[in-house]
Amino acid sequence: MPGLLHPLHDGHAPIILHSAFQDAIDALEDWELGNDEPQIEVNDRQVLISAVFRRLWTCTDILPARTLAVVEDLLPLRSAEFRAGTSTYADAAHSLWELSLQKRAASYEMQHHNAS
């Protein structure tokens, strides 16, 4: 989504992407199966949360402790992979992107199962 989500600069994300990442995590937490993938507002436009996670795949910025704690709660089976003070946005973004795709597939399946 060039132009919609700011690019990284030498692996570093602008603060607006850090904020979008946190908003995307919050939306992922609140996402109820059977509903479409949540979108968040970035630069006055709606963006799928998976697009936010994908944008930060190469972000070398260290995750704040509060964000890391939420990531660990969302990904309990992978929480041992994350370390305070060394885990990056990229580390979390890959796993959260995968989780968002899994939830999207489950929601799609649920929607089409209920429609028949």
N, C-alpha and C. Protein backbone atom coordinates (compact mmCIF):
# COMPACT_ATOMS: atom_id res chain seq x y z
N MET A 1 0.83 -1.18 0.00
CA MET A 1 0.00 0.00 0.00
C MET A 1 0.88 1.24 0.00
N PRO A 2 1.65 1.44 -1.03
CA PRO A 2 2.48 2.63 -1.06
C PRO A 2 1.64 3.89 -0.94
N GLY A 3 2.15 4.82 -0.17
CA GLY A 3 1.44 6.08 -0.02
C GLY A 3 0.45 6.08 1.11
N LEU A 4 -0.04 4.92 1.50
CA LEU A 4 -1.01 4.86 2.58
C LEU A 4 -0.30 4.61 3.91
N LEU A 5 0.56 3.63 3.93
CA LEU A 5 1.36 3.35 5.13
C LEU A 5 2.79 3.81 4.85
N HIS A 6 3.29 4.62 5.72
CA HIS A 6 4.62 5.19 5.55
C HIS A 6 5.67 4.08 5.41
N PRO A 7 6.69 4.32 4.60
CA PRO A 7 7.77 3.34 4.48
C PRO A 7 8.70 3.39 5.70
N LEU A 8 9.45 2.32 5.86
CA LEU A 8 10.48 2.29 6.90
C LEU A 8 11.72 3.00 6.37
N HIS A 9 12.53 3.49 7.26
CA HIS A 9 13.79 4.15 6.89
C HIS A 9 14.93 3.42 7.60
N ASP A 10 15.71 2.68 6.84
CA ASP A 10 16.81 1.88 7.40
C ASP A 10 16.32 0.99 8.54
N GLY A 11 15.14 0.39 8.36
CA GLY A 11 14.59 -0.52 9.36
C GLY A 11 13.81 0.13 10.46
N HIS A 12 13.73 1.45 10.45
CA HIS A 12 13.03 2.17 11.51
C HIS A 12 11.71 2.72 11.00
N ALA A 13 10.69 2.60 11.83
CA ALA A 13 9.35 3.06 11.47
C ALA A 13 9.06 4.42 12.08
N PRO A 14 8.34 5.27 11.35
CA PRO A 14 7.90 6.53 11.96
C PRO A 14 6.88 6.24 13.06
N ILE A 15 6.73 7.16 13.95
CA ILE A 15 5.84 6.97 15.11
C ILE A 15 4.42 6.65 14.67
N ILE A 16 3.99 7.16 13.54
CA ILE A 16 2.63 6.86 13.09
C ILE A 16 2.45 5.36 12.83
N LEU A 17 3.50 4.67 12.39
CA LEU A 17 3.40 3.22 12.20
C LEU A 17 3.45 2.48 13.53
N HIS A 18 4.20 3.00 14.49
CA HIS A 18 4.19 2.40 15.82
C HIS A 18 2.78 2.49 16.41
N SER A 19 2.15 3.63 16.25
CA SER A 19 0.78 3.81 16.75
C SER A 19 -0.20 2.92 16.01
N ALA A 20 -0.04 2.83 14.70
CA ALA A 20 -0.92 1.97 13.90
C ALA A 20 -0.76 0.51 14.32
N PHE A 21 0.46 0.11 14.61
CA PHE A 21 0.72 -1.27 15.06
C PHE A 21 -0.04 -1.55 16.35
N GLN A 22 0.03 -0.62 17.29
CA GLN A 22 -0.69 -0.79 18.55
C GLN A 22 -2.20 -0.84 18.31
N ASP A 23 -2.71 0.04 17.45
CA ASP A 23 -4.14 0.02 17.12
C ASP A 23 -4.53 -1.30 16.46
N ALA A 24 -3.65 -1.82 15.61
CA ALA A 24 -3.93 -3.09 14.94
C ALA A 24 -3.96 -4.24 15.94
N ILE A 25 -3.07 -4.21 16.91
CA ILE A 25 -3.08 -5.24 17.96
C ILE A 25 -4.37 -5.16 18.75
N ASP A 26 -4.78 -3.96 19.11
CA ASP A 26 -6.04 -3.78 19.86
C ASP A 26 -7.21 -4.33 19.06
N ALA A 27 -7.23 -4.04 17.77
CA ALA A 27 -8.33 -4.53 16.91
C ALA A 27 -8.27 -6.05 16.78
N LEU A 28 -7.09 -6.61 16.71
CA LEU A 28 -6.94 -8.07 16.64
C LEU A 28 -7.48 -8.71 17.91
N GLU A 29 -7.17 -8.11 19.05
CA GLU A 29 -7.68 -8.63 20.33
C GLU A 29 -9.21 -8.63 20.38
N ASP A 30 -9.82 -7.58 19.83
CA ASP A 30 -11.27 -7.42 19.89
C ASP A 30 -12.02 -8.14 18.75
N TRP A 31 -11.30 -8.67 17.78
CA TRP A 31 -11.90 -9.30 16.61
C TRP A 31 -12.66 -10.57 17.01
N GLU A 32 -13.95 -10.56 16.75
CA GLU A 32 -14.79 -11.72 17.02
C GLU A 32 -14.90 -12.55 15.76
N LEU A 33 -14.70 -13.86 15.91
CA LEU A 33 -14.81 -14.75 14.76
C LEU A 33 -16.19 -14.63 14.13
N GLY A 34 -16.22 -14.67 12.83
CA GLY A 34 -17.46 -14.49 12.08
C GLY A 34 -17.57 -13.09 11.51
N ASN A 35 -16.77 -12.16 12.03
CA ASN A 35 -16.74 -10.80 11.50
C ASN A 35 -15.59 -10.65 10.52
N ASP A 36 -15.72 -9.69 9.61
CA ASP A 36 -14.65 -9.40 8.67
C ASP A 36 -13.42 -8.90 9.41
N GLU A 37 -12.27 -8.97 8.73
CA GLU A 37 -11.03 -8.49 9.32
C GLU A 37 -11.17 -7.02 9.69
N PRO A 38 -10.79 -6.68 10.89
CA PRO A 38 -10.89 -5.27 11.31
C PRO A 38 -9.98 -4.36 10.49
N GLN A 39 -10.41 -3.13 10.43
CA GLN A 39 -9.62 -2.08 9.81
C GLN A 39 -9.39 -1.00 10.86
N ILE A 40 -8.27 -0.32 10.71
CA ILE A 40 -7.99 0.82 11.59
C ILE A 40 -7.77 2.04 10.72
N GLU A 41 -7.85 3.19 11.33
CA GLU A 41 -7.64 4.43 10.59
C GLU A 41 -6.17 4.85 10.66
N VAL A 42 -5.60 5.07 9.49
CA VAL A 42 -4.24 5.57 9.37
C VAL A 42 -4.26 6.65 8.30
N ASN A 43 -3.81 7.83 8.65
CA ASN A 43 -3.80 8.94 7.68
C ASN A 43 -5.20 9.19 7.09
N ASP A 44 -6.21 9.11 7.92
CA ASP A 44 -7.60 9.36 7.52
C ASP A 44 -8.13 8.33 6.52
N ARG A 45 -7.50 7.17 6.46
CA ARG A 45 -7.97 6.09 5.57
C ARG A 45 -8.05 4.81 6.36
N GLN A 46 -8.93 3.92 5.93
CA GLN A 46 -9.08 2.63 6.59
C GLN A 46 -8.08 1.62 6.02
N VAL A 47 -7.42 0.89 6.91
CA VAL A 47 -6.40 -0.07 6.52
C VAL A 47 -6.65 -1.37 7.26
N LEU A 48 -6.57 -2.50 6.54
CA LEU A 48 -6.70 -3.80 7.19
C LEU A 48 -5.55 -3.99 8.18
N ILE A 49 -5.84 -4.62 9.30
CA ILE A 49 -4.79 -4.81 10.30
C ILE A 49 -3.65 -5.68 9.76
N SER A 50 -3.96 -6.64 8.90
CA SER A 50 -2.90 -7.48 8.33
C SER A 50 -1.92 -6.65 7.51
N ALA A 51 -2.40 -5.58 6.87
CA ALA A 51 -1.52 -4.71 6.09
C ALA A 51 -0.55 -3.95 7.00
N VAL A 52 -1.02 -3.58 8.18
CA VAL A 52 -0.15 -2.90 9.14
C VAL A 52 0.94 -3.86 9.61
N PHE A 53 0.53 -5.09 9.96
CA PHE A 53 1.53 -6.07 10.41
C PHE A 53 2.54 -6.34 9.30
N ARG A 54 2.06 -6.46 8.08
CA ARG A 54 2.94 -6.75 6.94
C ARG A 54 3.94 -5.61 6.71
N ARG A 55 3.51 -4.38 6.88
CA ARG A 55 4.39 -3.23 6.66
C ARG A 55 5.58 -3.25 7.63
N LEU A 56 5.37 -3.81 8.82
CA LEU A 56 6.43 -3.78 9.83
C LEU A 56 7.27 -5.05 9.87
N TRP A 57 7.19 -5.87 8.84
CA TRP A 57 7.95 -7.12 8.78
C TRP A 57 9.44 -6.93 8.90
N THR A 58 9.95 -5.79 8.51
CA THR A 58 11.40 -5.57 8.55
C THR A 58 11.80 -4.46 9.52
N CYS A 59 10.90 -4.11 10.41
CA CYS A 59 11.15 -3.03 11.36
C CYS A 59 12.04 -3.52 12.49
N THR A 60 13.19 -2.88 12.64
CA THR A 60 14.16 -3.29 13.65
C THR A 60 14.01 -2.55 14.98
N ASP A 61 13.00 -1.71 15.09
CA ASP A 61 12.75 -1.00 16.35
C ASP A 61 12.34 -2.01 17.43
N ILE A 62 12.79 -1.78 18.64
CA ILE A 62 12.48 -2.66 19.77
C ILE A 62 11.05 -2.40 20.24
N LEU A 63 10.32 -3.49 20.51
CA LEU A 63 8.95 -3.37 21.01
C LEU A 63 8.94 -2.80 22.42
N PRO A 64 8.04 -1.86 22.70
CA PRO A 64 7.86 -1.40 24.08
C PRO A 64 7.36 -2.56 24.95
N ALA A 65 7.68 -2.54 26.22
CA ALA A 65 7.32 -3.63 27.13
C ALA A 65 5.82 -3.88 27.15
N ARG A 66 5.01 -2.82 27.15
CA ARG A 66 3.55 -3.02 27.22
C ARG A 66 3.03 -3.68 25.95
N THR A 67 3.61 -3.35 24.81
CA THR A 67 3.21 -3.97 23.55
C THR A 67 3.65 -5.43 23.54
N LEU A 68 4.85 -5.69 24.01
CA LEU A 68 5.36 -7.05 24.08
C LEU A 68 4.46 -7.92 24.94
N ALA A 69 3.99 -7.40 26.07
CA ALA A 69 3.12 -8.17 26.96
C ALA A 69 1.82 -8.57 26.25
N VAL A 70 1.26 -7.65 25.47
CA VAL A 70 0.02 -7.96 24.74
C VAL A 70 0.29 -9.01 23.66
N VAL A 71 1.42 -8.87 22.97
CA VAL A 71 1.79 -9.84 21.94
C VAL A 71 1.92 -11.23 22.57
N GLU A 72 2.56 -11.31 23.70
CA GLU A 72 2.72 -12.60 24.38
C GLU A 72 1.37 -13.19 24.78
N ASP A 73 0.43 -12.34 25.19
CA ASP A 73 -0.91 -12.82 25.53
C ASP A 73 -1.65 -13.34 24.30
N LEU A 74 -1.47 -12.66 23.17
CA LEU A 74 -2.13 -13.08 21.93
C LEU A 74 -1.52 -14.35 21.35
N LEU A 75 -0.24 -14.56 21.62
CA LEU A 75 0.50 -15.68 21.04
C LEU A 75 1.14 -16.52 22.15
N PRO A 76 0.32 -17.12 23.02
CA PRO A 76 0.89 -17.82 24.18
C PRO A 76 1.82 -18.98 23.80
N LEU A 77 1.56 -19.64 22.70
CA LEU A 77 2.41 -20.76 22.31
C LEU A 77 3.76 -20.31 21.76
N ARG A 78 3.86 -19.04 21.41
CA ARG A 78 5.11 -18.51 20.86
C ARG A 78 5.77 -17.51 21.80
N SER A 79 5.21 -17.31 22.97
CA SER A 79 5.71 -16.26 23.86
C SER A 79 7.18 -16.47 24.26
N ALA A 80 7.65 -17.71 24.27
CA ALA A 80 9.05 -17.96 24.61
C ALA A 80 10.01 -17.40 23.57
N GLU A 81 9.50 -17.11 22.37
CA GLU A 81 10.34 -16.56 21.30
C GLU A 81 10.64 -15.08 21.50
N PHE A 82 9.87 -14.42 22.35
CA PHE A 82 10.01 -12.97 22.53
C PHE A 82 10.80 -12.66 23.78
N ARG A 83 11.61 -11.60 23.71
CA ARG A 83 12.44 -11.18 24.83
C ARG A 83 12.33 -9.67 25.03
N ALA A 84 12.06 -9.27 26.27
CA ALA A 84 12.00 -7.84 26.59
C ALA A 84 13.35 -7.20 26.29
N GLY A 85 13.31 -6.06 25.63
CA GLY A 85 14.51 -5.31 25.34
C GLY A 85 15.24 -5.72 24.07
N THR A 86 14.85 -6.87 23.48
CA THR A 86 15.51 -7.29 22.24
C THR A 86 14.53 -7.65 21.13
N SER A 87 13.29 -7.98 21.46
CA SER A 87 12.32 -8.34 20.42
C SER A 87 11.90 -7.09 19.66
N THR A 88 11.84 -7.23 18.35
CA THR A 88 11.54 -6.10 17.48
C THR A 88 10.09 -6.14 16.99
N TYR A 89 9.68 -5.05 16.39
CA TYR A 89 8.38 -5.02 15.74
C TYR A 89 8.30 -6.12 14.68
N ALA A 90 9.40 -6.34 13.96
CA ALA A 90 9.41 -7.38 12.93
C ALA A 90 9.13 -8.75 13.54
N ASP A 91 9.73 -9.04 14.69
CA ASP A 91 9.51 -10.33 15.35
C ASP A 91 8.02 -10.55 15.60
N ALA A 92 7.38 -9.55 16.14
CA ALA A 92 5.96 -9.67 16.45
C ALA A 92 5.10 -9.59 15.20
N ALA A 93 5.49 -8.75 14.25
CA ALA A 93 4.67 -8.53 13.06
C ALA A 93 4.44 -9.81 12.27
N HIS A 94 5.47 -10.62 12.13
CA HIS A 94 5.32 -11.88 11.39
C HIS A 94 4.27 -12.78 12.04
N SER A 95 4.39 -12.95 13.35
CA SER A 95 3.47 -13.82 14.06
C SER A 95 2.05 -13.26 14.09
N LEU A 96 1.93 -11.96 14.27
CA LEU A 96 0.60 -11.35 14.30
C LEU A 96 -0.05 -11.37 12.92
N TRP A 97 0.74 -11.21 11.88
CA TRP A 97 0.21 -11.30 10.52
C TRP A 97 -0.35 -12.70 10.28
N GLU A 98 0.41 -13.73 10.69
CA GLU A 98 -0.06 -15.11 10.55
C GLU A 98 -1.36 -15.32 11.32
N LEU A 99 -1.41 -14.81 12.55
CA LEU A 99 -2.62 -14.94 13.36
C LEU A 99 -3.79 -14.24 12.70
N SER A 100 -3.57 -13.07 12.13
CA SER A 100 -4.67 -12.34 11.48
C SER A 100 -5.19 -13.12 10.26
N LEU A 101 -4.29 -13.77 9.52
CA LEU A 101 -4.73 -14.58 8.38
C LEU A 101 -5.51 -15.80 8.83
N GLN A 102 -5.09 -16.41 9.93
CA GLN A 102 -5.82 -17.56 10.47
C GLN A 102 -7.22 -17.15 10.92
N LYS A 103 -7.31 -16.00 11.60
CA LYS A 103 -8.62 -15.53 12.04
C LYS A 103 -9.50 -15.14 10.86
N ARG A 104 -8.89 -14.55 9.82
CA ARG A 104 -9.65 -14.20 8.63
C ARG A 104 -10.24 -15.46 7.98
N ALA A 105 -9.43 -16.50 7.86
CA ALA A 105 -9.89 -17.75 7.26
C ALA A 105 -10.99 -18.39 8.11
N ALA A 106 -10.82 -18.38 9.42
CA ALA A 106 -11.83 -18.95 10.31
C ALA A 106 -13.12 -18.15 10.24
N SER A 107 -13.01 -16.84 10.17
CA SER A 107 -14.21 -15.99 10.07
C SER A 107 -14.92 -16.22 8.75
N TYR A 108 -14.15 -16.33 7.67
CA TYR A 108 -14.72 -16.59 6.34
C TYR A 108 -15.46 -17.92 6.35
N GLU A 109 -14.83 -18.92 6.92
CA GLU A 109 -15.45 -20.26 7.00
C GLU A 109 -16.74 -20.19 7.81
N MET A 110 -16.71 -19.49 8.92
CA MET A 110 -17.88 -19.36 9.77
C MET A 110 -19.01 -18.62 9.04
N GLN A 111 -18.67 -17.56 8.34
CA GLN A 111 -19.67 -16.79 7.59
C GLN A 111 -20.34 -17.64 6.52
N HIS A 112 -19.54 -18.42 5.81
CA HIS A 112 -20.09 -19.22 4.72
C HIS A 112 -20.79 -20.47 5.23
N HIS A 113 -20.37 -20.98 6.37
CA HIS A 113 -21.06 -22.11 6.98
C HIS A 113 -22.45 -21.67 7.47
N ASN A 114 -22.50 -20.49 8.07
CA ASN A 114 -23.78 -19.97 8.59
C ASN A 114 -24.72 -19.56 7.46
N ALA A 115 -24.17 -19.19 6.30
CA ALA A 115 -24.99 -18.75 5.18
C ALA A 115 -25.67 -19.92 4.47
N SER A 116 -25.13 -21.13 4.65
CA SER A 116 -25.74 -22.28 3.95
C SER A 116 -26.79 -22.97 4.75
